[in-house]
């Protein structure tokens, strides 16, 4: 069954209008006309999952919508619903789902989790919609072996982690730059960041993250996201990528890395995981094993602590966890590299001493 997303009557406040203008790339006069004509169809002939993403994206901006089955809408709302004709209203860029209470964490597998009015990218053979912000891309092979293809407009540059490029058009030019120096070397990241530019004409580049797992896209609009040190894949040049010192308490004594990667600015950001990625909206307190954290939004406070006592630490297989507090989003991975290494250790070849 197909569904419609319908804008319901509501006050056209300056905040709502501004958010609608930004998300749909429309103008204020048209948007105020849309609100005055509500109820009206914003999107039709889509499945239930996509309809919910549209509704959630608008709800984030305090714009209320309803989801109705196409058959029911055609029969019940024919006389009062006006269909939006403007191209700008064909595909709003999904934003993060409304933040859930700590006792009811929302887990949304196979969906990206953008900050603010970011882009939500499900794995698909099609490129992202032309009406959405940022570069056009597609993600294939999810969630096990995600592969990213990005369309670069003429003379546009993309920052890519070293050794991640898999394919590209012959006219795309690569330039290597040193980034972060000693800081990136200590974190285990490459000190080299490659920049790929589509010289004079558009082109495509294929990117394969080093670890088997999922891949996410976020469109940043001045926000900040913190990534685990191996998660960065690619970004717009306007997104600053830098290592953030965690401190000995949060880093060294946790048994985890001393640094996080801080991604901040405006533009596209892609990051990957080991295993699948699950998005969690947090409002309050939440605990995640340090080995399962992929990324989290700025605004969440965190501290490292043990699970149980030292006996649990050494004999239970559980170690340190990250205790988050506040309001924001966390991306976790369904597998942890350290746990896999421990599982595989007994099966390693052992050289005979005889």
Protein backbone atom coordinates (compact mmCIF):
# COMPACT_ATOMS: atom_id res chain seq x y z
CA UNK A 1 0.00 0.00 0.00
CA UNK A 2 1.22 3.49 -0.86
CA UNK A 3 0.88 6.53 1.39
CA UNK A 4 0.65 10.31 1.32
CA UNK A 5 2.35 12.84 3.59
CA UNK A 6 -0.12 15.68 4.23
CA UNK A 7 0.65 19.10 5.71
CA UNK A 8 -2.08 19.81 8.29
CA UNK A 9 -3.43 23.27 9.23
CA UNK A 10 -1.16 25.04 11.71
CA UNK A 11 0.22 28.45 12.55
CA UNK A 12 2.71 29.69 9.94
CA UNK A 13 5.20 30.95 12.51
CA UNK A 14 8.42 32.58 11.36
CA UNK A 15 10.39 29.58 12.67
CA UNK A 16 8.28 27.06 10.75
CA UNK A 17 8.37 29.10 7.56
CA UNK A 18 12.14 29.56 7.78
CA UNK A 19 12.67 25.83 8.32
CA UNK A 20 10.38 24.96 5.40
CA UNK A 21 12.17 27.43 3.12
CA UNK A 22 15.54 25.95 4.05
CA UNK A 23 14.47 22.32 3.66
CA UNK A 24 12.55 22.73 0.39
CA UNK A 25 14.74 25.44 -1.14
CA UNK A 26 11.63 27.51 -1.75
CA UNK A 27 10.82 31.15 -0.96
CA UNK A 28 8.93 32.64 1.96
CA UNK A 29 5.93 33.85 -0.06
CA UNK A 30 5.24 30.42 -1.55
CA UNK A 31 5.73 28.68 1.78
CA UNK A 32 3.25 30.95 3.56
CA UNK A 33 0.79 30.17 0.75
CA UNK A 34 1.30 26.44 1.36
CA UNK A 35 0.47 26.84 5.05
CA UNK A 36 -2.61 28.95 4.24
CA UNK A 37 -3.91 26.24 1.88
CA UNK A 38 -3.37 23.33 4.27
CA UNK A 39 -4.30 20.52 4.36
CA UNK A 40 -2.25 19.71 1.28
CA UNK A 41 -0.24 16.79 -0.04
CA UNK A 42 3.54 17.14 0.23
CA UNK A 43 4.44 13.68 -1.06
CA UNK A 44 2.40 10.78 -2.45
CA UNK A 45 2.82 7.23 -3.72
CA UNK A 46 5.55 6.28 -1.23
CA UNK A 47 5.85 3.31 1.12
CA UNK A 48 5.26 3.47 4.86
CA UNK A 49 8.95 3.73 5.82
CA UNK A 50 9.65 6.65 3.51
CA UNK A 51 6.43 8.37 4.54
CA UNK A 52 7.54 8.20 8.18
CA UNK A 53 10.93 9.68 7.27
CA UNK A 54 9.25 12.65 5.62
CA UNK A 55 6.97 13.14 8.61
CA UNK A 56 9.88 12.88 11.06
CA UNK A 57 11.98 15.33 9.06
CA UNK A 58 9.26 17.95 9.22
CA UNK A 59 8.41 17.21 12.84
CA UNK A 60 11.99 18.08 13.74
CA UNK A 61 11.23 21.60 12.51
CA UNK A 62 7.91 21.62 14.42
CA UNK A 63 5.96 21.24 11.16
CA UNK A 64 3.07 18.83 11.69
CA UNK A 65 2.04 16.33 9.02
CA UNK A 66 -0.18 13.27 8.75
CA UNK A 67 0.42 10.00 6.94
CA UNK A 68 -2.61 8.53 5.17
CA UNK A 69 -3.08 5.54 2.86
CA UNK A 70 -3.58 6.61 -0.73
CA UNK A 71 -6.96 4.85 -1.02
CA UNK A 72 -8.28 6.41 2.17
CA UNK A 73 -6.97 9.83 1.24
CA UNK A 74 -8.49 9.70 -2.21
CA UNK A 75 -11.90 8.83 -0.79
CA UNK A 76 -11.95 11.03 2.30
CA UNK A 77 -9.85 14.05 1.45
CA UNK A 78 -10.50 14.63 -2.24
CA UNK A 79 -12.46 17.81 -1.58
CA UNK A 80 -10.02 19.46 0.80
CA UNK A 81 -6.48 18.37 -0.04
CA UNK A 82 -4.50 20.42 -2.58
CA UNK A 83 -1.49 18.73 -4.16
CA UNK A 84 1.77 20.64 -4.08
CA UNK A 85 2.96 21.21 -7.62
CA UNK A 86 6.18 23.09 -6.89
CA UNK A 87 9.29 21.05 -7.56
CA UNK A 88 10.75 22.16 -4.25
CA UNK A 89 8.09 20.23 -2.37
CA UNK A 90 8.75 16.90 -4.05
CA UNK A 91 11.40 15.54 -1.70
CA UNK A 92 12.20 17.22 1.63
CA UNK A 93 15.57 16.30 3.10
CA UNK A 94 14.98 14.09 6.13
CA UNK A 95 16.32 15.33 9.45
CA UNK A 96 16.91 13.34 12.61
CA UNK A 97 13.88 11.66 14.10
CA UNK A 98 12.37 13.34 17.19
CA UNK A 99 14.47 12.61 20.23
CA UNK A 100 13.15 9.72 22.29
CA UNK A 101 13.08 9.48 26.08
CA UNK A 102 15.90 7.55 27.69
CA UNK A 103 13.51 4.79 28.69
CA UNK A 104 12.36 4.44 25.11
CA UNK A 105 15.44 4.70 22.90
CA UNK A 106 14.56 4.68 19.21
CA UNK A 107 16.67 2.18 17.27
CA UNK A 108 16.43 2.73 13.53
CA UNK A 109 18.50 0.24 11.52
CA UNK A 110 19.37 0.82 7.87
CA UNK A 111 18.69 4.57 7.99
CA UNK A 112 21.11 7.42 8.13
CA UNK A 113 20.96 9.89 10.97
CA UNK A 114 21.68 13.40 9.87
CA UNK A 115 22.08 16.39 12.12
CA UNK A 116 19.53 19.17 11.63
CA UNK A 117 18.24 19.15 8.04
CA UNK A 118 20.64 16.52 6.84
CA UNK A 119 20.25 13.88 4.19
CA UNK A 120 19.07 10.38 5.00
CA UNK A 121 20.60 7.76 2.73
CA UNK A 122 19.35 4.22 2.49
CA UNK A 123 21.37 1.81 0.43
CA UNK A 124 20.14 2.06 -3.13
CA UNK A 125 21.11 1.62 -6.75
CA UNK A 126 19.81 5.14 -7.37
CA UNK A 127 21.62 8.37 -6.61
CA UNK A 128 20.25 10.70 -3.95
CA UNK A 129 17.48 13.09 -4.98
CA UNK A 130 18.45 16.22 -6.93
CA UNK A 131 16.38 18.44 -4.61
CA UNK A 132 18.39 17.43 -1.53
CA UNK A 133 21.43 19.39 -0.31
CA UNK A 134 24.98 18.27 -0.91
CA UNK A 135 26.60 16.01 -3.47
CA UNK A 136 24.67 13.26 -5.23
CA UNK A 137 25.70 9.78 -4.15
CA UNK A 138 24.60 6.21 -3.69
CA UNK A 139 25.54 3.52 -1.18
CA UNK A 140 25.51 -0.12 -2.31
CA UNK A 141 26.32 -3.40 -0.59
CA UNK A 142 24.83 -2.45 2.77
CA UNK A 143 25.03 -3.41 5.54
CA UNK A 144 27.90 -5.88 5.17
CA UNK A 145 30.19 -4.41 2.53
CA UNK A 146 29.05 -0.85 1.89
CA UNK A 147 30.44 0.87 -1.21
CA UNK A 148 30.06 4.61 -1.84
CA UNK A 149 29.81 6.29 -5.25
CA UNK A 150 29.84 10.11 -5.36
CA UNK A 151 29.07 12.37 -8.31
CA UNK A 152 31.47 15.30 -8.41
CA UNK A 153 30.39 18.43 -10.32
CA UNK A 154 33.00 20.08 -12.51
CA UNK A 155 35.93 21.42 -10.45
CA UNK A 156 34.40 20.15 -7.21
CA UNK A 157 36.75 18.56 -4.64
CA UNK A 158 36.11 15.70 -2.20
CA UNK A 159 38.28 14.81 0.80
CA UNK A 160 38.81 11.05 1.15
CA UNK A 161 40.66 9.02 3.74
CA UNK A 162 43.90 7.56 2.39
CA UNK A 163 43.60 4.24 0.49
CA UNK A 164 39.80 4.37 0.40
CA UNK A 165 39.47 5.29 -3.30
CA UNK A 166 38.47 2.23 -5.34
CA UNK A 167 37.39 3.62 -8.74
CA UNK A 168 37.23 6.98 -10.50
CA UNK A 169 36.89 8.60 -13.90
CA UNK A 170 40.17 9.16 -15.68
CA UNK A 171 39.98 12.97 -15.61
CA UNK A 172 39.61 13.16 -11.82
CA UNK A 173 42.80 14.51 -10.28
CA UNK A 174 44.20 13.44 -6.90
CA UNK A 175 46.27 15.53 -4.53
CA UNK A 176 47.66 14.23 -1.23
CA UNK A 177 47.95 16.50 1.77
CA UNK A 178 49.39 15.99 5.23
CA UNK A 179 46.71 16.38 7.89
CA UNK A 180 47.10 16.59 11.63
CA UNK A 181 50.71 15.44 11.66
CA UNK A 182 51.65 13.66 14.88
CA UNK A 183 48.09 13.81 16.19
CA UNK A 184 46.67 11.67 13.38
CA UNK A 185 49.64 9.31 13.58
CA UNK A 186 49.04 8.70 17.30
CA UNK A 187 45.35 7.98 16.73
CA UNK A 188 46.12 5.30 14.19
CA UNK A 189 44.76 7.39 11.30
CA UNK A 190 46.74 8.04 8.17
CA UNK A 191 48.52 11.40 8.28
CA UNK A 192 47.69 11.68 4.56
CA UNK A 193 44.31 12.95 3.36
CA UNK A 194 43.62 12.63 -0.37
CA UNK A 195 41.68 15.28 -2.26
CA UNK A 196 39.96 14.32 -5.53
CA UNK A 197 38.87 17.02 -7.98
CA UNK A 198 36.76 16.60 -11.12
CA UNK A 199 38.82 18.75 -13.47
CA UNK A 200 36.66 20.86 -15.81
CA UNK A 201 33.88 18.28 -16.27
CA UNK A 202 31.74 16.21 -13.84
CA UNK A 203 32.90 12.77 -12.78
CA UNK A 204 32.27 9.87 -10.42
CA UNK A 205 34.44 8.37 -7.72
CA UNK A 206 33.93 5.02 -5.97
CA UNK A 207 35.03 4.68 -2.34
CA UNK A 208 35.50 1.43 -0.41
CA UNK A 209 36.01 1.75 3.37
CA UNK A 210 38.70 -0.57 4.76
CA UNK A 211 36.55 -2.51 7.22
CA UNK A 212 33.59 -4.73 6.32
CA UNK A 213 30.42 -3.04 7.47
CA UNK A 214 27.91 -0.27 6.96
CA UNK A 215 28.28 3.33 5.87
CA UNK A 216 26.34 6.47 6.79
CA UNK A 217 25.90 9.95 5.33
CA UNK A 218 25.18 13.14 7.24
CA UNK A 219 24.76 16.62 5.80
CA UNK A 220 26.18 19.04 8.35
CA UNK A 221 24.86 22.57 8.55
CA UNK A 222 27.39 24.05 10.95
CA UNK A 223 26.97 21.18 13.43
CA UNK A 224 29.63 18.95 14.98
CA UNK A 225 29.84 15.16 15.08
CA UNK A 226 32.48 13.12 16.90
CA UNK A 227 33.69 9.90 15.22
CA UNK A 228 35.73 6.98 16.42
CA UNK A 229 39.25 7.30 15.03
CA UNK A 230 38.78 4.80 12.17
CA UNK A 231 35.28 5.84 11.09
CA UNK A 232 35.98 8.78 8.75
CA UNK A 233 35.53 7.98 5.04
CA UNK A 234 35.00 11.20 3.07
CA UNK A 235 33.71 14.75 3.36
CA UNK A 236 33.19 18.09 1.69
CA UNK A 237 36.31 20.31 1.92
CA UNK A 238 34.26 22.77 4.00
CA UNK A 239 33.93 20.15 6.76
CA UNK A 240 36.94 20.41 9.08
CA UNK A 241 38.29 17.03 10.16
CA UNK A 242 40.53 17.10 13.22
CA UNK A 243 41.52 14.89 16.12
CA UNK A 244 40.12 15.73 19.55
CA UNK A 245 42.08 14.82 22.68
CA UNK A 246 40.02 12.72 25.08
CA UNK A 247 42.43 12.91 27.97
CA UNK A 248 44.00 10.04 29.83
CA UNK A 249 40.91 9.33 31.92
CA UNK A 250 38.64 8.95 28.93
CA UNK A 251 41.23 7.44 26.63
CA UNK A 252 44.18 5.61 28.10
CA UNK A 253 42.46 4.04 31.11
CA UNK A 254 39.50 2.98 28.99
CA UNK A 255 41.74 0.77 26.90
CA UNK A 256 40.41 2.63 23.85
CA UNK A 257 41.95 5.23 21.58
CA UNK A 258 43.28 8.50 22.95
CA UNK A 259 41.54 10.56 20.29
CA UNK A 260 38.18 11.11 18.68
CA UNK A 261 37.76 12.69 15.26
CA UNK A 262 35.82 15.95 15.30
CA UNK A 263 33.92 16.76 12.08
CA UNK A 264 32.58 20.30 11.97
CA UNK A 265 31.33 22.65 9.26
CA UNK A 266 28.86 22.66 6.40
CA UNK A 267 28.65 19.93 3.80
CA UNK A 268 28.61 16.17 3.28
CA UNK A 269 30.18 13.71 5.69
CA UNK A 270 30.40 9.93 5.28
CA UNK A 271 31.56 7.52 7.99
CA UNK A 272 31.68 3.74 8.29
CA UNK A 273 31.54 1.00 10.89
CA UNK A 274 32.66 -2.55 11.56
CA UNK A 275 29.34 -4.38 11.18
CA UNK A 276 25.97 -2.73 10.75
CA UNK A 277 25.06 0.71 12.09
CA UNK A 278 22.09 1.44 14.36
CA UNK A 279 20.94 4.98 15.11
CA UNK A 280 19.88 5.87 18.65
CA UNK A 281 18.13 9.06 19.73
CA UNK A 282 18.98 9.80 23.36
CA UNK A 283 17.30 12.13 25.83
CA UNK A 284 18.71 11.50 29.29
CA UNK A 285 21.29 8.83 30.16
CA UNK A 286 22.44 5.88 28.07
CA UNK A 287 25.31 3.39 28.24
CA UNK A 288 27.27 2.03 25.24
CA UNK A 289 30.27 -0.28 25.21
CA UNK A 290 33.30 1.72 24.08
CA UNK A 291 34.01 -0.79 21.31
CA UNK A 292 30.58 -0.28 19.75
CA UNK A 293 30.58 3.52 19.44
CA UNK A 294 30.81 4.84 15.87
CA UNK A 295 29.78 8.48 16.29
CA UNK A 296 27.74 10.88 18.41
CA UNK A 297 26.53 14.46 18.19
CA UNK A 298 27.92 17.43 20.03
CA UNK A 299 25.91 18.24 23.13
CA UNK A 300 26.09 14.76 24.60
CA UNK A 301 28.33 14.61 27.67
CA UNK A 302 30.21 11.37 28.20
CA UNK A 303 32.49 9.64 30.65
CA UNK A 304 34.26 6.28 30.67
CA UNK A 305 33.64 3.80 33.48
CA UNK A 306 33.89 0.09 34.21
CA UNK A 307 31.04 -2.40 34.08
CA UNK A 308 31.03 -4.03 37.51
CA UNK A 309 34.28 -4.38 39.45
CA UNK A 310 37.75 -5.47 38.44
CA UNK A 311 36.73 -9.13 38.63
CA UNK A 312 34.14 -8.45 35.93
CA UNK A 313 36.74 -6.56 33.94
CA UNK A 314 39.20 -9.46 33.81
CA UNK A 315 36.90 -12.51 33.81
CA UNK A 316 33.51 -11.62 32.32
CA UNK A 317 34.66 -10.37 28.95
CA UNK A 318 33.06 -6.99 29.68
CA UNK A 319 35.27 -3.96 30.13
CA UNK A 320 34.74 -0.23 29.86
CA UNK A 321 31.59 1.56 28.79
CA UNK A 322 30.78 5.10 27.80
CA UNK A 323 28.03 6.70 29.87
CA UNK A 324 26.30 9.38 27.82
CA UNK A 325 24.04 12.08 29.22
CA UNK A 326 22.09 14.87 27.58
CA UNK A 327 20.17 15.11 24.34
CA UNK A 328 21.48 14.01 20.96
CA UNK A 329 22.14 11.07 18.67
CA UNK A 330 24.51 8.12 18.86
CA UNK A 331 25.50 5.78 16.04
CA UNK A 332 26.60 2.32 17.22
CA UNK A 333 28.05 -0.63 15.34
CA UNK A 334 26.65 -4.12 15.71
CA UNK A 335 30.10 -5.68 16.03
CA UNK A 336 33.32 -4.68 17.80
CA UNK A 337 36.71 -5.42 16.29
CA UNK A 338 38.22 -6.22 19.70
CA UNK A 339 35.50 -8.74 20.50
CA UNK A 340 36.00 -10.45 17.13
CA UNK A 341 39.75 -10.64 17.70
CA UNK A 342 39.17 -12.29 21.09
CA UNK A 343 36.74 -14.76 19.53
CA UNK A 344 39.18 -15.64 16.71
CA UNK A 345 42.25 -15.90 18.95
CA UNK A 346 41.81 -19.60 19.94
CA UNK A 347 41.67 -20.56 16.25
CA UNK A 348 45.00 -18.98 15.31
CA UNK A 349 47.73 -21.26 13.91
CA UNK A 350 50.24 -22.22 16.58
CA UNK A 351 53.76 -23.19 15.61
CA UNK A 352 54.86 -26.47 17.12
CA UNK A 353 57.84 -26.32 19.45
CA UNK A 354 58.80 -29.92 18.78
